Amino acid sequence: MAYLEFRNLVKVYDDSKKGKFYAVNNSNIEVEKGELVVFVGPSGCGKSTSLRMLAGLEEPTSGDIIIDGQVVNDMIPKERDIAMVFQDYALYPHMKVKENLSFGLGNMKVAKKEIDKRVETASNMLELSELLDRFPKQLSGGQRQRVALGRALVREPKVFLLDEPLSNLDAKLRVQTRKQIAELHKKLNATMVYVTHDQIEAMTLGDKIVVMNKGEIQQIADPETLYNYPANIFVAGFIGTPPMNLLNAVLIDENTVEISGLKVLMPEEILNKCKEYIGKRIILGIRPEHITINDNANVVYSSKPNIIEFLGSENLLYFNIGDQELIAKVNVQSKMNEDRVYDIGFILENINLFDGDTGERI
């Protein structure tokens, strides 16, 4: 049995204008002990609602939440042995860092000697030792977030819950704190559930990623599987920066796909999977880094780019195929020429094909 499990979990809200709608619809997830699982998706997808139900801050409409073999639906938050890190830190402004770290343990009647030991351990791990006598207002955003992490850490809970903990930090601090969370997870071998809308955070932190949209789970997988084998066009378009190119196409015969009048010969092992789609619309997916530029072995067509974005270590080139846009990513450390015609090709073994009606992976 999994250490943490959502079993047929449903949350329905009754809105006065919209009527009843599913914030979470039939969610089934298994988390093993020691895993860091990331819930990711756009705003309103149900990820924070899922976390709040796990924390005991929202009551499920139906289904079960199981932690370490015990159904916790009817338990209040403090009985679930979880610790939560919030987006806005939620520190006590009138308490110094040391008091913020120890306050929860005092309420739990933990012995003072044990409290001091845990606070010292957390402070050393999160580099807070020199900040223990400061008030929250005297700390930077990154320091406050480390205190919030430390307050959860001293609890030694069964499950850590992190609700978009980096969203209030600037870009540099976000990278630093993300690294600290990864190191913390590795040191503790703790079970963590992390919610974010940022797919980079999801890909870099998650042992397992749960992609959600409109209350429903789209795919659960490790980062590599999610990136290379998306279950549908939502996952394909959501994961990756820039996202996967998704091109409307028609499977003409057993060897050829047509994209806006352009015919592309496909590997036999790919098209063998979709012979029943001959004559039908499909969606061809290819990531920007799997498009070649000026490689004679893989030329599909030639064109000038509409625009080139130079990002320092790479160029993003935007082309048209008929009325469809194609983005290519090229690892060149100088800006490429917008007035030049480039030979464009596809690395065919990295192509993904999706059903044109359902959007599901073929």
Protein backbone atom coordinates (compact mmCIF):
# COMPACT_ATOMS: atom_id res chain seq x y z
CA MET A 1 0.00 0.00 0.00
CA ALA A 2 1.20 3.50 -0.82
CA TYR A 3 2.26 5.78 2.05
CA LEU A 4 -0.10 8.53 0.88
CA GLU A 5 -3.12 7.92 -1.33
CA PHE A 6 -6.00 9.80 -2.88
CA ARG A 7 -8.76 7.32 -3.65
CA ASN A 8 -11.58 8.50 -5.95
CA LEU A 9 -11.29 11.96 -4.40
CA VAL A 10 -13.94 14.51 -5.45
CA LYS A 11 -14.52 18.12 -4.46
CA VAL A 12 -17.66 19.85 -5.75
CA TYR A 13 -18.45 23.52 -5.15
CA ASP A 14 -21.90 25.03 -5.51
CA ASP A 15 -21.48 28.48 -7.05
CA SER A 16 -24.48 30.83 -7.09
CA LYS A 17 -23.73 31.86 -10.68
CA LYS A 18 -22.11 28.77 -12.22
CA GLY A 19 -24.04 26.15 -10.30
CA LYS A 20 -22.20 23.01 -9.22
CA PHE A 21 -18.72 22.45 -10.62
CA TYR A 22 -15.94 19.98 -9.95
CA ALA A 23 -12.81 21.54 -8.44
CA VAL A 24 -11.35 18.02 -8.23
CA ASN A 25 -12.91 15.15 -10.13
CA ASN A 26 -12.16 11.50 -9.29
CA SER A 27 -8.53 11.98 -8.28
CA ASN A 28 -6.51 8.80 -7.76
CA ILE A 29 -2.88 9.21 -6.69
CA GLU A 30 -0.37 7.01 -4.89
CA VAL A 31 2.70 8.51 -3.22
CA GLU A 32 5.45 6.29 -1.83
CA LYS A 33 7.26 7.12 1.39
CA GLY A 34 10.13 9.54 0.74
CA GLU A 35 8.82 10.77 -2.62
CA LEU A 36 8.57 14.43 -3.58
CA VAL A 37 5.39 14.71 -5.64
CA VAL A 38 4.55 17.92 -7.47
CA PHE A 39 1.03 18.99 -8.44
CA VAL A 40 1.26 21.33 -11.42
CA GLY A 41 -1.22 23.02 -13.71
CA PRO A 42 -2.76 26.40 -14.59
CA SER A 43 -4.80 28.50 -12.18
CA GLY A 44 -8.09 26.82 -11.28
CA CYS A 45 -6.92 23.32 -12.17
CA GLY A 46 -7.55 21.89 -8.69
CA LYS A 47 -3.99 21.53 -7.42
CA SER A 48 -4.33 23.83 -4.38
CA THR A 49 -7.76 22.39 -3.57
CA SER A 50 -6.17 18.92 -3.56
CA LEU A 51 -3.48 20.13 -1.15
CA ARG A 52 -6.02 21.82 1.12
CA MET A 53 -8.07 18.62 1.31
CA LEU A 54 -4.92 16.71 2.22
CA ALA A 55 -4.14 19.29 4.92
CA GLY A 56 -7.67 19.11 6.32
CA LEU A 57 -8.51 22.70 5.38
CA GLU A 58 -11.16 21.56 2.88
CA GLU A 59 -13.56 18.64 3.25
CA PRO A 60 -13.82 16.21 0.31
CA THR A 61 -17.25 15.76 -1.27
CA SER A 62 -16.47 12.07 -1.66
CA GLY A 63 -13.52 9.70 -1.78
CA ASP A 64 -10.76 9.02 0.74
CA ILE A 65 -7.40 10.47 1.76
CA ILE A 66 -5.12 7.86 3.30
CA ILE A 67 -1.87 8.61 5.14
CA ASP A 68 0.30 5.74 6.34
CA GLY A 69 -2.57 3.28 6.03
CA GLN A 70 -5.13 5.41 7.88
CA VAL A 71 -8.10 7.24 6.36
CA VAL A 72 -7.82 10.83 7.60
CA ASN A 73 -11.00 12.39 6.14
CA ASP A 74 -12.55 12.97 9.55
CA MET A 75 -9.34 14.10 11.29
CA ILE A 76 -8.73 17.77 12.01
CA PRO A 77 -5.47 19.20 10.60
CA LYS A 78 -3.38 18.86 13.78
CA GLU A 79 -4.28 15.16 14.05
CA ARG A 80 -2.99 14.32 10.55
CA ASP A 81 0.73 14.76 11.40
CA ILE A 82 1.39 17.06 8.46
CA ALA A 83 3.27 20.36 8.24
CA MET A 84 2.42 23.03 5.69
CA VAL A 85 4.53 25.79 4.12
CA PHE A 86 2.39 28.60 2.74
CA GLN A 87 2.95 30.96 -0.17
CA ASP A 88 2.95 34.04 2.07
CA TYR A 89 5.27 32.56 4.77
CA ALA A 90 2.64 33.11 7.55
CA LEU A 91 5.26 33.97 10.20
CA TYR A 92 4.35 35.57 13.51
CA PRO A 93 5.60 39.17 13.12
CA HIS A 94 5.99 39.78 16.88
CA MET A 95 8.16 36.70 17.38
CA LYS A 96 11.84 36.32 16.61
CA VAL A 97 13.01 33.60 14.24
CA LYS A 98 13.82 31.18 17.06
CA GLU A 99 10.35 31.64 18.56
CA ASN A 100 8.70 31.17 15.16
CA LEU A 101 10.56 27.90 14.76
CA SER A 102 9.73 26.58 18.21
CA PHE A 103 6.19 27.87 18.74
CA GLY A 104 4.38 24.91 17.22
CA LEU A 105 6.47 22.43 19.20
CA GLY A 106 5.61 24.23 22.43
CA ASN A 107 1.91 23.84 21.64
CA MET A 108 2.54 20.12 21.06
CA LYS A 109 4.03 19.87 24.59
CA VAL A 110 7.43 18.78 23.28
CA ALA A 111 10.13 18.91 25.95
CA LYS A 112 12.29 22.06 25.93
CA LYS A 113 15.50 20.09 25.44
CA GLU A 114 14.03 18.37 22.39
CA ILE A 115 12.71 21.70 21.03
CA ASP A 116 16.19 23.26 21.31
CA LYS A 117 17.70 20.25 19.55
CA ARG A 118 15.24 20.38 16.65
CA VAL A 119 15.54 24.17 16.26
CA GLU A 120 19.34 23.89 16.18
CA THR A 121 19.22 21.10 13.59
CA ALA A 122 16.80 22.99 11.34
CA SER A 123 18.74 26.26 11.73
CA ASN A 124 22.00 24.61 10.69
CA MET A 125 20.39 22.82 7.77
CA LEU A 126 18.73 26.00 6.43
CA GLU A 127 21.56 28.42 7.34
CA LEU A 128 19.42 30.32 9.84
CA SER A 129 21.73 30.15 12.86
CA GLU A 130 22.81 33.78 12.59
CA LEU A 131 19.21 34.99 12.16
CA LEU A 132 17.59 33.45 15.23
CA ASP A 133 17.34 36.76 17.14
CA ARG A 134 15.81 38.73 14.25
CA PHE A 135 12.17 39.54 13.67
CA PRO A 136 10.54 38.60 10.33
CA LYS A 137 10.49 42.25 9.20
CA GLN A 138 14.30 42.25 9.43
CA LEU A 139 14.60 39.34 6.95
CA SER A 140 14.65 39.17 3.17
CA GLY A 141 11.99 37.23 1.29
CA GLY A 142 14.30 34.27 0.85
CA GLN A 143 15.20 34.24 4.54
CA ARG A 144 11.53 34.36 5.54
CA GLN A 145 10.78 31.43 3.29
CA ARG A 146 13.63 29.46 4.89
CA VAL A 147 12.14 30.19 8.31
CA ALA A 148 8.78 28.91 7.06
CA LEU A 149 10.51 25.75 5.84
CA GLY A 150 12.30 25.42 9.17
CA ARG A 151 9.04 25.73 11.10
CA ALA A 152 7.68 22.78 9.11
CA LEU A 153 10.95 20.87 9.44
CA VAL A 154 11.07 20.93 13.26
CA ARG A 155 7.65 19.27 13.38
CA GLU A 156 9.13 16.07 11.85
CA PRO A 157 5.75 15.30 10.23
CA LYS A 158 4.69 12.32 8.18
CA VAL A 159 4.09 14.57 5.15
CA PHE A 160 5.36 18.04 4.22
CA LEU A 161 2.92 20.17 2.20
CA LEU A 162 4.29 23.13 0.23
CA ASP A 163 1.81 25.48 -1.42
CA GLU A 164 3.58 27.55 -4.12
CA PRO A 165 6.36 28.44 -1.65
CA LEU A 166 8.54 30.28 -4.19
CA SER A 167 5.98 32.45 -5.96
CA ASN A 168 6.74 35.58 -3.90
CA LEU A 169 10.49 35.41 -4.52
CA ASP A 170 12.45 37.09 -7.31
CA ALA A 171 14.03 34.94 -10.02
CA LYS A 172 17.46 34.55 -8.38
CA LEU A 173 16.06 33.73 -4.94
CA ARG A 174 13.62 31.31 -6.52
CA VAL A 175 16.47 29.28 -8.00
CA GLN A 176 18.42 29.33 -4.71
CA THR A 177 15.45 28.30 -2.58
CA ARG A 178 14.40 25.63 -5.07
CA LYS A 179 17.88 24.12 -4.69
CA GLN A 180 17.59 24.24 -0.90
CA ILE A 181 14.25 22.43 -1.02
CA ALA A 182 15.77 19.73 -3.22
CA GLU A 183 18.73 19.35 -0.85
CA LEU A 184 16.40 19.28 2.15
CA HIS A 185 14.33 16.52 0.61
CA LYS A 186 17.44 14.51 -0.18
CA LYS A 187 18.82 14.86 3.38
CA LEU A 188 15.55 14.05 5.12
CA ASN A 189 14.22 11.46 2.66
CA ALA A 190 10.91 13.09 3.57
CA THR A 191 7.53 12.63 1.90
CA MET A 192 6.64 15.97 0.30
CA VAL A 193 3.68 17.23 -1.72
CA TYR A 194 4.51 20.42 -3.58
CA VAL A 195 2.02 22.61 -5.47
CA THR A 196 3.10 25.03 -8.19
CA HIS A 197 1.97 26.55 -11.48
CA ASP A 198 5.62 26.72 -12.60
CA GLN A 199 6.51 23.73 -14.75
CA ILE A 200 10.27 24.38 -14.31
CA GLU A 201 9.87 23.91 -10.55
CA ALA A 202 7.87 20.76 -11.22
CA MET A 203 10.46 19.28 -13.58
CA THR A 204 13.47 20.08 -11.40
CA LEU A 205 12.01 19.03 -8.04
CA GLY A 206 9.55 16.23 -8.63
CA ASP A 207 10.23 12.51 -8.33
CA LYS A 208 6.69 12.24 -9.66
CA ILE A 209 4.58 14.95 -11.27
CA VAL A 210 0.79 15.17 -11.28
CA VAL A 211 -0.42 17.36 -14.16
CA MET A 212 -3.93 18.73 -13.63
CA ASN A 213 -6.38 20.72 -15.73
CA LYS A 214 -9.98 21.74 -14.94
CA GLY A 215 -10.10 19.52 -11.86
CA GLU A 216 -8.90 16.36 -13.60
CA ILE A 217 -5.56 14.58 -13.61
CA GLN A 218 -4.09 14.57 -17.10
CA GLN A 219 -0.99 12.47 -16.40
CA ILE A 220 1.09 11.16 -13.50
CA ALA A 221 4.69 10.36 -14.36
CA ASP A 222 8.33 11.07 -13.64
CA PRO A 223 9.73 14.22 -15.33
CA GLU A 224 11.47 12.38 -18.18
CA THR A 225 8.40 10.35 -19.15
CA LEU A 226 6.21 13.44 -18.91
CA TYR A 227 8.49 15.41 -21.21
CA ASN A 228 9.16 12.73 -23.81
CA TYR A 229 5.84 10.87 -23.80
CA PRO A 230 3.02 13.30 -22.92
CA ALA A 231 -0.35 11.58 -22.55
CA ASN A 232 -2.26 14.26 -24.47
CA ILE A 233 -1.92 17.64 -26.14
CA PHE A 234 -2.59 19.52 -22.89
CA VAL A 235 0.44 17.94 -21.21
CA ALA A 236 2.49 18.35 -24.39
CA GLY A 237 1.68 22.05 -24.56
CA PHE A 238 2.01 22.74 -20.84
CA ILE A 239 5.32 21.03 -20.10
CA GLY A 240 8.38 22.52 -21.78
CA THR A 241 9.68 26.03 -22.50
CA PRO A 242 8.94 26.82 -25.26
CA PRO A 243 6.12 24.26 -25.41
CA MET A 244 5.92 21.42 -27.89
CA ASN A 245 4.91 22.42 -31.42
CA LEU A 246 1.45 20.95 -32.08
CA LEU A 247 0.66 20.90 -35.79
CA ASN A 248 -2.62 19.89 -37.41
CA ALA A 249 -1.87 17.19 -39.97
CA VAL A 250 -3.46 14.42 -42.03
CA LEU A 251 -2.13 10.88 -42.31
CA ILE A 252 -2.20 10.39 -46.09
CA ASP A 253 -0.94 6.81 -46.26
CA GLU A 254 1.20 4.35 -44.32
CA ASN A 255 4.33 6.45 -44.91
CA THR A 256 3.31 10.09 -45.15
CA VAL A 257 1.89 12.88 -43.03
CA GLU A 258 0.72 16.12 -44.63
CA ILE A 259 1.07 19.40 -42.69
CA SER A 260 -0.51 22.45 -44.37
CA GLY A 261 0.25 21.01 -47.81
CA LEU A 262 3.76 19.90 -46.82
CA LYS A 263 4.35 16.14 -47.06
CA VAL A 264 6.64 14.52 -44.50
CA LEU A 265 7.84 10.91 -44.69
CA MET A 266 7.58 9.26 -41.29
CA PRO A 267 9.48 6.34 -39.73
CA GLU A 268 7.67 3.02 -40.19
CA GLU A 269 7.75 2.24 -36.45
CA ILE A 270 5.75 5.40 -35.72
CA LEU A 271 3.11 5.03 -38.39
CA ASN A 272 2.62 1.33 -37.68
CA LYS A 273 0.86 2.45 -34.49
CA CYS A 274 -1.76 4.50 -36.30
CA LYS A 275 -2.79 2.80 -39.55
CA GLU A 276 -6.44 3.22 -38.54
CA TYR A 277 -5.92 6.99 -38.80
CA ILE A 278 -5.18 6.98 -42.56
CA GLY A 279 -7.21 9.76 -44.15
CA LYS A 280 -7.98 11.33 -40.77
CA ARG A 281 -6.78 14.44 -38.98
CA ILE A 282 -4.06 13.91 -36.41
CA ILE A 283 -1.86 16.28 -34.42
CA LEU A 284 1.89 16.04 -34.89
CA GLY A 285 3.93 17.12 -31.88
CA ILE A 286 7.61 17.98 -31.97
CA ARG A 287 9.64 19.89 -29.42
CA PRO A 288 11.60 22.99 -30.55
CA GLU A 289 14.96 21.35 -29.78
CA HIS A 290 14.08 18.42 -32.06
CA ILE A 291 13.90 20.68 -35.10
CA THR A 292 17.12 20.89 -37.08
CA ILE A 293 18.44 23.92 -38.94
CA ASN A 294 20.67 23.50 -42.01
CA ASP A 295 21.17 19.77 -41.48
CA ASN A 296 21.19 18.22 -44.97
CA ALA A 297 20.05 14.86 -43.62
CA ASN A 298 16.74 16.17 -42.27
CA VAL A 299 15.41 18.85 -44.61
CA VAL A 300 11.60 19.14 -44.65
CA TYR A 301 11.26 22.64 -46.10
CA SER A 302 13.06 25.99 -46.28
CA SER A 303 11.92 29.37 -45.02
CA LYS A 304 12.91 32.70 -43.52
CA PRO A 305 12.00 33.09 -39.84
CA ASN A 306 9.31 35.59 -38.89
CA ILE A 307 11.31 36.57 -35.84
CA ILE A 308 14.35 35.39 -33.90
CA GLU A 309 14.66 35.66 -30.12
CA PHE A 310 18.26 35.57 -28.91
CA LEU A 311 18.54 34.26 -25.33
CA GLY A 312 22.33 34.20 -24.92
CA SER A 313 22.97 30.47 -25.08
CA GLU A 314 20.33 29.77 -27.72
CA ASN A 315 18.10 31.22 -30.43
CA LEU A 316 14.37 30.71 -30.79
CA LEU A 317 13.31 30.89 -34.46
CA TYR A 318 9.63 31.33 -35.37
CA PHE A 319 8.54 30.02 -38.78
CA ASN A 320 5.24 29.48 -40.56
CA ILE A 321 4.07 26.22 -42.10
CA GLY A 322 1.04 27.45 -44.00
CA ASP A 323 -1.08 29.14 -41.33
CA GLN A 324 0.59 27.25 -38.48
CA GLU A 325 3.51 28.46 -36.38
CA LEU A 326 6.63 26.41 -35.76
CA ILE A 327 9.25 27.23 -33.10
CA ALA A 328 12.80 25.92 -33.36
CA LYS A 329 15.41 26.09 -30.61
CA VAL A 330 19.02 26.31 -31.77
CA ASN A 331 22.01 26.23 -29.40
CA VAL A 332 24.04 29.02 -30.99
CA GLN A 333 25.61 31.70 -28.79
CA SER A 334 25.23 34.56 -31.25
CA LYS A 335 22.10 35.98 -32.84
CA MET A 336 21.12 34.27 -36.07
CA ASN A 337 20.14 36.19 -39.22
CA GLU A 338 16.43 36.99 -39.67
CA ASP A 339 16.91 37.69 -43.39
CA ARG A 340 18.38 34.29 -44.18
CA VAL A 341 16.49 31.29 -45.58
CA TYR A 342 17.05 28.26 -43.37
CA ASP A 343 16.64 24.56 -44.19
CA ILE A 344 14.30 23.14 -41.54
CA GLY A 345 14.09 19.49 -40.59
CA PHE A 346 12.49 17.22 -38.00
CA ILE A 347 14.29 14.62 -35.89
CA LEU A 348 11.68 12.04 -36.74
CA GLU A 349 12.31 9.60 -33.88
CA ASN A 350 11.26 12.34 -31.44
CA ILE A 351 7.89 13.02 -33.06
CA ASN A 352 4.70 12.49 -31.05
CA LEU A 353 1.32 11.82 -32.67
CA PHE A 354 -2.04 12.60 -31.07
CA ASP A 355 -5.65 11.85 -31.98
CA GLY A 356 -7.06 14.86 -33.83
CA ASP A 357 -10.44 14.65 -32.08
CA THR A 358 -9.62 13.61 -28.49
CA GLY A 359 -6.10 15.02 -28.21
CA GLU A 360 -4.96 11.74 -26.63
CA ARG A 361 -1.57 10.23 -27.50
CA ILE A 362 -1.69 7.65 -30.29
